[in-house]
PDB file of all heavy atoms in Angstrom:
ATOM      1  N   LEU A   1     113.491 116.556  32.806  1.00  0.00           N
ATOM      2  CA  LEU A   1     114.317 116.194  33.946  1.00  0.00           C
ATOM      3  C   LEU A   1     114.822 117.424  34.666  1.00  0.00           C
ATOM      4  O   LEU A   1     114.817 117.501  35.898  1.00  0.00           O
ATOM      5  CB  LEU A   1     115.492 115.336  33.463  1.00  0.00           C
ATOM      6  CG  LEU A   1     116.392 114.722  34.528  1.00  0.00           C
ATOM      7  CD1 LEU A   1     115.587 113.772  35.402  1.00  0.00           C
ATOM      8  CD2 LEU A   1     117.555 113.992  33.878  1.00  0.00           C
ATOM      9  N   SER A   2     115.229 118.411  33.885  1.00  0.00           N
ATOM     10  CA  SER A   2     115.713 119.654  34.478  1.00  0.00           C
ATOM     11  C   SER A   2     114.614 120.355  35.262  1.00  0.00           C
ATOM     12  O   SER A   2     114.842 120.893  36.348  1.00  0.00           O
ATOM     13  CB  SER A   2     116.250 120.577  33.371  1.00  0.00           C
ATOM     14  OG  SER A   2     116.616 121.820  33.908  1.00  0.00           O
ATOM     15  N   SER A   3     113.404 120.318  34.712  1.00  0.00           N
ATOM     16  CA  SER A   3     112.301 121.034  35.353  1.00  0.00           C
ATOM     17  C   SER A   3     111.870 120.394  36.665  1.00  0.00           C
ATOM     18  O   SER A   3     111.359 121.070  37.545  1.00  0.00           O
ATOM     19  CB  SER A   3     111.093 121.101  34.402  1.00  0.00           C
ATOM     20  OG  SER A   3     110.576 119.815  34.168  1.00  0.00           O
ATOM     21  N   ILE A   4     112.104 119.066  36.791  1.00  0.00           N
ATOM     22  CA  ILE A   4     111.694 118.405  38.024  1.00  0.00           C
ATOM     23  C   ILE A   4     112.831 118.271  39.013  1.00  0.00           C
ATOM     24  O   ILE A   4     112.605 117.826  40.141  1.00  0.00           O
ATOM     25  CB  ILE A   4     111.112 117.003  37.742  1.00  0.00           C
ATOM     26  CG1 ILE A   4     112.215 116.083  37.198  1.00  0.00           C
ATOM     27  CG2 ILE A   4     109.932 117.067  36.813  1.00  0.00           C
ATOM     28  CD1 ILE A   4     111.767 114.648  37.070  1.00  0.00           C
ATOM     29  N   PHE A   5     114.039 118.675  38.600  1.00  0.00           N
ATOM     30  CA  PHE A   5     115.183 118.494  39.490  1.00  0.00           C
ATOM     31  C   PHE A   5     114.955 119.201  40.823  1.00  0.00           C
ATOM     32  O   PHE A   5     115.251 118.672  41.890  1.00  0.00           O
ATOM     33  CB  PHE A   5     116.454 119.016  38.813  1.00  0.00           C
ATOM     34  CG  PHE A   5     117.701 118.610  39.523  1.00  0.00           C
ATOM     35  CD1 PHE A   5     118.220 117.343  39.321  1.00  0.00           C
ATOM     36  CD2 PHE A   5     118.355 119.463  40.386  1.00  0.00           C
ATOM     37  CE1 PHE A   5     119.372 116.938  39.969  1.00  0.00           C
ATOM     38  CE2 PHE A   5     119.502 119.075  41.045  1.00  0.00           C
ATOM     39  CZ  PHE A   5     120.014 117.805  40.825  1.00  0.00           C
ATOM     40  N   SER A   6     114.378 120.395  40.762  1.00  0.00           N
ATOM     41  CA  SER A   6     114.139 121.140  41.991  1.00  0.00           C
ATOM     42  C   SER A   6     113.024 120.520  42.823  1.00  0.00           C
ATOM     43  O   SER A   6     112.896 120.794  44.013  1.00  0.00           O
ATOM     44  CB  SER A   6     113.781 122.597  41.670  1.00  0.00           C
ATOM     45  OG  SER A   6     112.610 122.638  40.879  1.00  0.00           O
ATOM     46  N   LEU A   7     112.201 119.662  42.187  1.00  0.00           N
ATOM     47  CA  LEU A   7     111.119 119.025  42.913  1.00  0.00           C
ATOM     48  C   LEU A   7     111.581 117.816  43.708  1.00  0.00           C
ATOM     49  O   LEU A   7     110.830 117.288  44.529  1.00  0.00           O
ATOM     50  CB  LEU A   7     110.019 118.576  41.932  1.00  0.00           C
ATOM     51  CG  LEU A   7     109.333 119.675  41.120  1.00  0.00           C
ATOM     52  CD1 LEU A   7     108.303 119.051  40.195  1.00  0.00           C
ATOM     53  CD2 LEU A   7     108.677 120.704  42.037  1.00  0.00           C
ATOM     54  N   ALA A   8     112.840 117.367  43.443  1.00  0.00           N
ATOM     55  CA  ALA A   8     113.327 116.156  44.095  1.00  0.00           C
ATOM     56  C   ALA A   8     113.309 116.292  45.605  1.00  0.00           C
ATOM     57  O   ALA A   8     113.157 115.301  46.330  1.00  0.00           O
ATOM     58  CB  ALA A   8     114.739 115.838  43.610  1.00  0.00           C
ATOM     59  N   GLN A   9     113.437 117.517  46.118  1.00  0.00           N
ATOM     60  CA  GLN A   9     113.493 117.716  47.555  1.00  0.00           C
ATOM     61  C   GLN A   9     112.114 117.631  48.215  1.00  0.00           C
ATOM     62  O   GLN A   9     112.022 117.397  49.417  1.00  0.00           O
ATOM     63  CB  GLN A   9     114.119 119.089  47.846  1.00  0.00           C
ATOM     64  CG  GLN A   9     115.512 119.272  47.263  1.00  0.00           C
ATOM     65  CD  GLN A   9     116.490 118.243  47.780  1.00  0.00           C
ATOM     66  OE1 GLN A   9     116.442 117.881  48.950  1.00  0.00           O
ATOM     67  NE2 GLN A   9     117.366 117.758  46.923  1.00  0.00           N
ATOM     68  N   VAL A  10     111.049 117.821  47.437  1.00  0.00           N
ATOM     69  CA  VAL A  10     109.722 117.833  48.043  1.00  0.00           C
ATOM     70  C   VAL A  10     109.031 116.479  47.953  1.00  0.00           C
ATOM     71  O   VAL A  10     108.020 116.263  48.605  1.00  0.00           O
ATOM     72  CB  VAL A  10     108.827 118.921  47.398  1.00  0.00           C
ATOM     73  CG1 VAL A  10     109.452 120.290  47.581  1.00  0.00           C
ATOM     74  CG2 VAL A  10     108.573 118.633  45.925  1.00  0.00           C
ATOM     75  N   PHE A  11     109.561 115.558  47.142  1.00  0.00           N
ATOM     76  CA  PHE A  11     108.995 114.231  47.053  1.00  0.00           C
ATOM     77  C   PHE A  11     109.718 113.307  48.031  1.00  0.00           C
ATOM     78  O   PHE A  11     110.934 113.387  48.184  1.00  0.00           O
ATOM     79  CB  PHE A  11     109.144 113.673  45.625  1.00  0.00           C
ATOM     80  CG  PHE A  11     108.098 114.186  44.681  1.00  0.00           C
ATOM     81  CD1 PHE A  11     108.337 115.325  43.917  1.00  0.00           C
ATOM     82  CD2 PHE A  11     106.886 113.534  44.552  1.00  0.00           C
ATOM     83  CE1 PHE A  11     107.375 115.804  43.044  1.00  0.00           C
ATOM     84  CE2 PHE A  11     105.923 114.018  43.679  1.00  0.00           C
ATOM     85  CZ  PHE A  11     106.161 115.141  42.926  1.00  0.00           C
ATOM     86  N   PRO A  12     109.010 112.409  48.700  1.00  0.00           N
ATOM     87  CA  PRO A  12     109.685 111.413  49.535  1.00  0.00           C
ATOM     88  C   PRO A  12     110.646 110.601  48.667  1.00  0.00           C
ATOM     89  O   PRO A  12     110.344 110.315  47.508  1.00  0.00           O
ATOM     90  CB  PRO A  12     108.521 110.543  50.042  1.00  0.00           C
ATOM     91  CG  PRO A  12     107.310 111.389  49.897  1.00  0.00           C
ATOM     92  CD  PRO A  12     107.555 112.266  48.708  1.00  0.00           C
ATOM     93  N   PRO A  13     111.807 110.248  49.183  1.00  0.00           N
ATOM     94  CA  PRO A  13     112.780 109.514  48.362  1.00  0.00           C
ATOM     95  C   PRO A  13     112.223 108.182  47.897  1.00  0.00           C
ATOM     96  O   PRO A  13     111.666 107.410  48.698  1.00  0.00           O
ATOM     97  CB  PRO A  13     113.970 109.330  49.300  1.00  0.00           C
ATOM     98  CG  PRO A  13     113.411 109.482  50.676  1.00  0.00           C
ATOM     99  CD  PRO A  13     112.288 110.451  50.553  1.00  0.00           C
ATOM    100  N   SER A  14     112.316 107.909  46.601  1.00  0.00           N
ATOM    101  CA  SER A  14     111.849 106.644  46.037  1.00  0.00           C
ATOM    102  C   SER A  14     112.958 105.605  46.001  1.00  0.00           C
ATOM    103  O   SER A  14     112.696 104.424  45.754  1.00  0.00           O
ATOM    104  CB  SER A  14     111.317 106.875  44.618  1.00  0.00           C
ATOM    105  OG  SER A  14     112.308 107.492  43.813  1.00  0.00           O
ATOM    106  N   VAL A  15     114.203 106.044  46.242  1.00  0.00           N
ATOM    107  CA  VAL A  15     115.355 105.147  46.198  1.00  0.00           C
ATOM    108  C   VAL A  15     116.277 105.466  47.364  1.00  0.00           C
ATOM    109  O   VAL A  15     116.559 106.638  47.641  1.00  0.00           O
ATOM    110  CB  VAL A  15     116.136 105.306  44.866  1.00  0.00           C
ATOM    111  CG1 VAL A  15     117.380 104.434  44.873  1.00  0.00           C
ATOM    112  CG2 VAL A  15     115.255 104.956  43.676  1.00  0.00           C
ATOM    113  N   GLU A  16     116.740 104.435  48.037  1.00  0.00           N
ATOM    114  CA  GLU A  16     117.777 104.573  49.053  1.00  0.00           C
ATOM    115  C   GLU A  16     119.011 103.808  48.582  1.00  0.00           C
ATOM    116  O   GLU A  16     118.890 102.704  48.042  1.00  0.00           O
ATOM    117  CB  GLU A  16     117.309 104.030  50.402  1.00  0.00           C
ATOM    118  CG  GLU A  16     116.201 104.841  51.053  1.00  0.00           C
ATOM    119  CD  GLU A  16     116.669 106.205  51.539  1.00  0.00           C
ATOM    120  OE1 GLU A  16     117.890 106.388  51.687  1.00  0.00           O
ATOM    121  OE2 GLU A  16     115.811 107.086  51.765  1.00  0.00           O
ATOM    122  N   ALA A  17     120.188 104.390  48.794  1.00  0.00           N
ATOM    123  CA  ALA A  17     121.436 103.759  48.363  1.00  0.00           C
ATOM    124  C   ALA A  17     122.383 103.653  49.548  1.00  0.00           C
ATOM    125  O   ALA A  17     122.566 104.625  50.290  1.00  0.00           O
ATOM    126  CB  ALA A  17     122.083 104.577  47.241  1.00  0.00           C
ATOM    127  N   LYS A  18     122.993 102.478  49.717  1.00  0.00           N
ATOM    128  CA  LYS A  18     123.968 102.300  50.785  1.00  0.00           C
ATOM    129  C   LYS A  18     125.079 101.363  50.315  1.00  0.00           C
ATOM    130  O   LYS A  18     124.901 100.559  49.386  1.00  0.00           O
ATOM    131  CB  LYS A  18     123.313 101.754  52.051  1.00  0.00           C
ATOM    132  CG  LYS A  18     122.804 100.332  51.936  1.00  0.00           C
ATOM    133  CD  LYS A  18     122.265  99.843  53.281  1.00  0.00           C
ATOM    134  CE  LYS A  18     121.829  98.371  53.203  1.00  0.00           C
ATOM    135  NZ  LYS A  18     121.345  97.883  54.504  1.00  0.00           N
ATOM    136  N   LEU A  19     126.251 101.464  50.968  1.00  0.00           N
ATOM    137  CA  LEU A  19     127.403 100.650  50.615  1.00  0.00           C
ATOM    138  C   LEU A  19     127.351  99.295  51.308  1.00  0.00           C
ATOM    139  O   LEU A  19     126.885  99.170  52.437  1.00  0.00           O
ATOM    140  CB  LEU A  19     128.702 101.351  51.015  1.00  0.00           C
ATOM    141  CG  LEU A  19     129.153 102.534  50.162  1.00  0.00           C
ATOM    142  CD1 LEU A  19     130.414 103.157  50.761  1.00  0.00           C
ATOM    143  CD2 LEU A  19     129.411 102.111  48.716  1.00  0.00           C
ATOM    144  N   VAL A  20     127.843  98.273  50.604  1.00  0.00           N
ATOM    145  CA  VAL A  20     128.035  96.954  51.201  1.00  0.00           C
ATOM    146  C   VAL A  20     129.384  96.402  50.734  1.00  0.00           C
ATOM    147  O   VAL A  20     129.846  96.688  49.632  1.00  0.00           O
ATOM    148  CB  VAL A  20     126.920  95.960  50.811  1.00  0.00           C
ATOM    149  CG1 VAL A  20     125.612  96.315  51.481  1.00  0.00           C
ATOM    150  CG2 VAL A  20     126.748  95.887  49.302  1.00  0.00           C
ATOM    151  N   SER A  21     130.032  95.631  51.607  1.00  0.00           N
ATOM    152  CA  SER A  21     131.304  94.994  51.294  1.00  0.00           C
ATOM    153  C   SER A  21     131.241  93.541  51.741  1.00  0.00           C
ATOM    154  O   SER A  21     130.407  93.172  52.574  1.00  0.00           O
ATOM    155  CB  SER A  21     132.454  95.720  52.003  1.00  0.00           C
ATOM    156  OG  SER A  21     133.670  95.003  51.853  1.00  0.00           O
ATOM    157  N   ASN A  22     132.126  92.719  51.199  1.00  0.00           N
ATOM    158  CA  ASN A  22     132.161  91.316  51.606  1.00  0.00           C
ATOM    159  C   ASN A  22     133.323  91.017  52.556  1.00  0.00           C
ATOM    160  O   ASN A  22     133.686  89.863  52.757  1.00  0.00           O
ATOM    161  CB  ASN A  22     132.256  90.398  50.386  1.00  0.00           C
ATOM    162  CG  ASN A  22     133.592  90.493  49.678  1.00  0.00           C
ATOM    163  OD1 ASN A  22     134.305  91.498  49.783  1.00  0.00           O
ATOM    164  ND2 ASN A  22     133.956  89.449  48.944  1.00  0.00           N
ATOM    165  N   ALA A  23     133.922  92.061  53.135  1.00  0.00           N
ATOM    166  CA  ALA A  23     135.062  91.833  54.020  1.00  0.00           C
ATOM    167  C   ALA A  23     135.080  92.860  55.148  1.00  0.00           C
ATOM    168  O   ALA A  23     134.828  94.037  54.929  1.00  0.00           O
ATOM    169  CB  ALA A  23     136.369  91.878  53.239  1.00  0.00           C
ATOM    170  N   ASP A  24     135.397  92.387  56.348  1.00  0.00           N
ATOM    171  CA  ASP A  24     135.618  93.289  57.479  1.00  0.00           C
ATOM    172  C   ASP A  24     137.053  93.793  57.493  1.00  0.00           C
ATOM    173  O   ASP A  24     137.316  94.946  57.828  1.00  0.00           O
ATOM    174  CB  ASP A  24     135.322  92.570  58.799  1.00  0.00           C
ATOM    175  CG  ASP A  24     133.832  92.333  59.009  1.00  0.00           C
ATOM    176  OD1 ASP A  24     133.030  93.113  58.465  1.00  0.00           O
ATOM    177  OD2 ASP A  24     133.480  91.375  59.705  1.00  0.00           O
ATOM    178  N   LEU A  25     137.988  92.909  57.150  1.00  0.00           N
ATOM    179  CA  LEU A  25     139.405  93.241  57.031  1.00  0.00           C
ATOM    180  C   LEU A  25     139.927  92.686  55.718  1.00  0.00           C
ATOM    181  O   LEU A  25     139.480  91.627  55.257  1.00  0.00           O
ATOM    182  CB  LEU A  25     140.216  92.632  58.180  1.00  0.00           C
ATOM    183  CG  LEU A  25     140.053  93.211  59.587  1.00  0.00           C
ATOM    184  CD1 LEU A  25     140.882  92.387  60.576  1.00  0.00           C
ATOM    185  CD2 LEU A  25     140.480  94.666  59.634  1.00  0.00           C
ATOM    186  N   VAL A  26     140.874  93.409  55.108  1.00  0.00           N
ATOM    187  CA  VAL A  26     141.459  92.953  53.851  1.00  0.00           C
ATOM    188  C   VAL A  26     142.979  92.972  53.985  1.00  0.00           C
ATOM    189  O   VAL A  26     143.569  93.962  54.423  1.00  0.00           O
ATOM    190  CB  VAL A  26     141.022  93.843  52.667  1.00  0.00           C
ATOM    191  CG1 VAL A  26     141.648  93.340  51.370  1.00  0.00           C
ATOM    192  CG2 VAL A  26     139.504  93.872  52.540  1.00  0.00           C
ATOM    193  N   GLU A  27     143.596  91.876  53.588  1.00  0.00           N
ATOM    194  CA  GLU A  27     145.053  91.778  53.621  1.00  0.00           C
ATOM    195  C   GLU A  27     145.648  92.508  52.425  1.00  0.00           C
ATOM    196  O   GLU A  27     145.101  92.417  51.299  1.00  0.00           O
ATOM    197  CB  GLU A  27     145.463  90.306  53.583  1.00  0.00           C
ATOM    198  CG  GLU A  27     146.958  90.062  53.625  1.00  0.00           C
ATOM    199  CD  GLU A  27     147.306  88.597  53.523  1.00  0.00           C
ATOM    200  OE1 GLU A  27     146.387  87.758  53.464  1.00  0.00           O
ATOM    201  OE2 GLU A  27     148.516  88.283  53.509  1.00  0.00           O
ATOM    202  N   PRO A  28     146.727  93.267  52.584  1.00  0.00           N
ATOM    203  CA  PRO A  28     147.388  93.901  51.434  1.00  0.00           C
ATOM    204  C   PRO A  28     147.699  92.872  50.347  1.00  0.00           C
ATOM    205  O   PRO A  28     148.162  91.766  50.638  1.00  0.00           O
ATOM    206  CB  PRO A  28     148.667  94.473  52.048  1.00  0.00           C
ATOM    207  CG  PRO A  28     148.295  94.760  53.465  1.00  0.00           C
ATOM    208  CD  PRO A  28     147.375  93.638  53.864  1.00  0.00           C
ATOM    209  N   GLY A  29     147.375  93.235  49.113  1.00  0.00           N
ATOM    210  CA  GLY A  29     147.541  92.328  47.990  1.00  0.00           C
ATOM    211  C   GLY A  29     146.304  91.516  47.663  1.00  0.00           C
ATOM    212  O   GLY A  29     146.253  90.846  46.631  1.00  0.00           O
ATOM    213  N   ASP A  30     145.287  91.582  48.509  1.00  0.00           N
ATOM    214  CA  ASP A  30     144.068  90.807  48.303  1.00  0.00           C
ATOM    215  C   ASP A  30     143.010  91.665  47.600  1.00  0.00           C
ATOM    216  O   ASP A  30     143.167  92.880  47.429  1.00  0.00           O
ATOM    217  CB  ASP A  30     143.529  90.297  49.635  1.00  0.00           C
ATOM    218  CG  ASP A  30     142.806  88.962  49.486  1.00  0.00           C
ATOM    219  OD1 ASP A  30     142.450  88.612  48.347  1.00  0.00           O
ATOM    220  OD2 ASP A  30     142.587  88.291  50.507  1.00  0.00           O
ATOM    221  N   THR A  31     141.921  91.009  47.222  1.00  0.00           N
ATOM    222  CA  THR A  31     140.818  91.659  46.505  1.00  0.00           C
ATOM    223  C   THR A  31     139.531  91.502  47.307  1.00  0.00           C
ATOM    224  O   THR A  31     139.300  90.464  47.932  1.00  0.00           O
ATOM    225  CB  THR A  31     140.644  91.036  45.108  1.00  0.00           C
ATOM    226  OG1 THR A  31     141.852  91.206  44.358  1.00  0.00           O
ATOM    227  CG2 THR A  31     139.512  91.707  44.351  1.00  0.00           C
ATOM    228  N   PHE A  32     138.695  92.530  47.296  1.00  0.00           N
ATOM    229  CA  PHE A  32     137.405  92.447  47.970  1.00  0.00           C
ATOM    230  C   PHE A  32     136.335  93.090  47.099  1.00  0.00           C
ATOM    231  O   PHE A  32     136.628  93.784  46.118  1.00  0.00           O
ATOM    232  CB  PHE A  32     137.456  93.122  49.348  1.00  0.00           C
ATOM    233  CG  PHE A  32     137.570  94.629  49.306  1.00  0.00           C
ATOM    234  CD1 PHE A  32     136.463  95.428  49.545  1.00  0.00           C
ATOM    235  CD2 PHE A  32     138.779  95.247  49.024  1.00  0.00           C
ATOM    236  CE1 PHE A  32     136.552  96.805  49.509  1.00  0.00           C
ATOM    237  CE2 PHE A  32     138.885  96.631  48.986  1.00  0.00           C
ATOM    238  CZ  PHE A  32     137.772  97.412  49.224  1.00  0.00           C
ATOM    239  N   ASN A  33     135.087  92.868  47.447  1.00  0.00           N
ATOM    240  CA  ASN A  33     133.953  93.441  46.722  1.00  0.00           C
ATOM    241  C   ASN A  33     133.407  94.649  47.471  1.00  0.00           C
ATOM    242  O   ASN A  33     133.255  94.610  48.695  1.00  0.00           O
ATOM    243  CB  ASN A  33     132.824  92.423  46.564  1.00  0.00           C
ATOM    244  CG  ASN A  33     133.189  91.280  45.641  1.00  0.00           C
ATOM    245  OD1 ASN A  33     134.020  91.438  44.760  1.00  0.00           O
ATOM    246  ND2 ASN A  33     132.565  90.130  45.851  1.00  0.00           N
ATOM    247  N   LEU A  34     133.117  95.695  46.729  1.00  0.00           N
ATOM    248  CA  LEU A  34     132.463  96.868  47.287  1.00  0.00           C
ATOM    249  C   LEU A  34     131.361  97.284  46.322  1.00  0.00           C
ATOM    250  O   LEU A  34     131.601  97.398  45.108  1.00  0.00           O
ATOM    251  CB  LEU A  34     133.448  98.017  47.485  1.00  0.00           C
ATOM    252  CG  LEU A  34     132.893  99.284  48.158  1.00  0.00           C
ATOM    253  CD1 LEU A  34     132.447  98.989  49.583  1.00  0.00           C
ATOM    254  CD2 LEU A  34     133.941 100.397  48.155  1.00  0.00           C
ATOM    255  N   GLY A  35     130.157  97.480  46.852  1.00  0.00           N
ATOM    256  CA  GLY A  35     129.052  97.801  45.968  1.00  0.00           C
ATOM    257  C   GLY A  35     128.022  98.695  46.622  1.00  0.00           C
ATOM    258  O   GLY A  35     128.100  99.036  47.802  1.00  0.00           O
ATOM    259  N   VAL A  36     127.044  99.079  45.807  1.00  0.00           N
ATOM    260  CA  VAL A  36     125.948  99.926  46.251  1.00  0.00           C
ATOM    261  C   VAL A  36     124.646  99.154  46.103  1.00  0.00           C
ATOM    262  O   VAL A  36     124.323  98.656  45.024  1.00  0.00           O
ATOM    263  CB  VAL A  36     125.880 101.229  45.431  1.00  0.00           C
ATOM    264  CG1 VAL A  36     124.710 102.096  45.907  1.00  0.00           C
ATOM    265  CG2 VAL A  36     127.190 102.002  45.521  1.00  0.00           C
ATOM    266  N   VAL A  37     123.920  99.049  47.218  1.00  0.00           N
ATOM    267  CA  VAL A  37     122.590  98.447  47.205  1.00  0.00           C
ATOM    268  C   VAL A  37     121.555  99.561  47.058  1.00  0.00           C
ATOM    269  O   VAL A  37     121.563 100.534  47.817  1.00  0.00           O
ATOM    270  CB  VAL A  37     122.313  97.663  48.501  1.00  0.00           C
ATOM    271  CG1 VAL A  37     120.862  97.200  48.540  1.00  0.00           C
ATOM    272  CG2 VAL A  37     123.230  96.461  48.587  1.00  0.00           C
ATOM    273  N   PHE A  38     120.678  99.415  46.070  1.00  0.00           N
ATOM    274  CA  PHE A  38     119.579 100.344  45.857  1.00  0.00           C
ATOM    275  C   PHE A  38     118.280  99.675  46.321  1.00  0.00           C
ATOM    276  O   PHE A  38     117.922  98.593  45.835  1.00  0.00           O
ATOM    277  CB  PHE A  38     119.443 100.704  44.384  1.00  0.00           C
ATOM    278  CG  PHE A  38     120.639 101.409  43.805  1.00  0.00           C
ATOM    279  CD1 PHE A  38     121.709 100.681  43.285  1.00  0.00           C
ATOM    280  CD2 PHE A  38     120.712 102.792  43.772  1.00  0.00           C
ATOM    281  CE1 PHE A  38     122.815 101.317  42.744  1.00  0.00           C
ATOM    282  CE2 PHE A  38     121.815 103.439  43.233  1.00  0.00           C
ATOM    283  CZ  PHE A  38     122.867 102.696  42.723  1.00  0.00           C
ATOM    284  N   ALA A  39     117.600 100.287  47.270  1.00  0.00           N
ATOM    285  CA  ALA A  39     116.268  99.848  47.687  1.00  0.00           C
ATOM    286  C   ALA A  39     115.254 100.765  47.004  1.00  0.00           C
ATOM    287  O   ALA A  39     115.264 101.989  47.216  1.00  0.00           O
ATOM    288  CB  ALA A  39     116.129  99.912  49.196  1.00  0.00           C
ATOM    289  N   ILE A  40     114.397 100.198  46.156  1.00  0.00           N
ATOM    290  CA  ILE A  40     113.529 100.974  45.269  1.00  0.00           C
ATOM    291  C   ILE A  40     112.073 100.795  45.711  1.00  0.00           C
ATOM    292  O   ILE A  40     111.591  99.669  45.877  1.00  0.00           O
ATOM    293  CB  ILE A  40     113.705 100.507  43.811  1.00  0.00           C
ATOM    294  CG1 ILE A  40     115.197 100.541  43.420  1.00  0.00           C
ATOM    295  CG2 ILE A  40     112.882 101.366  42.859  1.00  0.00           C
ATOM    296  CD1 ILE A  40     115.509  99.798  42.138  1.00  0.00           C
ATOM    297  N   GLU A  41     111.384 101.900  45.899  1.00  0.00           N
ATOM    298  CA  GLU A  41     109.990 101.859  46.330  1.00  0.00           C
ATOM    299  C   GLU A  41     109.114 101.165  45.282  1.00  0.00           C
ATOM    300  O   GLU A  41     109.370 101.254  44.076  1.00  0.00           O
ATOM    301  CB  GLU A  41     109.465 103.275  46.564  1.00  0.00           C
ATOM    302  CG  GLU A  41     109.986 103.939  47.830  1.00  0.00           C
ATOM    303  CD  GLU A  41     109.446 103.270  49.083  1.00  0.00           C
ATOM    304  OE1 GLU A  41     108.231 102.988  49.132  1.00  0.00           O
ATOM    305  OE2 GLU A  41     110.252 103.011  49.996  1.00  0.00           O
ATOM    306  N   PRO A  42     108.065 100.448  45.715  1.00  0.00           N
ATOM    307  CA  PRO A  42     107.159  99.771  44.771  1.00  0.00           C
ATOM    308  C   PRO A  42     106.615 100.728  43.721  1.00  0.00           C
ATOM    309  O   PRO A  42     106.212 101.853  44.024  1.00  0.00           O
ATOM    310  CB  PRO A  42     106.038  99.241  45.676  1.00  0.00           C
ATOM    311  CG  PRO A  42     106.685  99.079  47.022  1.00  0.00           C
ATOM    312  CD  PRO A  42     107.672 100.209  47.129  1.00  0.00           C
TER     313      PRO A  42
END
């Protein structure tokens, strides 16, 4: 893993990560979901 770490920049990304939430606005005292969606290459 260490030996390929420097190679990560030369390979096209196999995974994309982005944030998603279930709320546009949240009231103080309330609870909402926040997560990371991973899109993984075939």
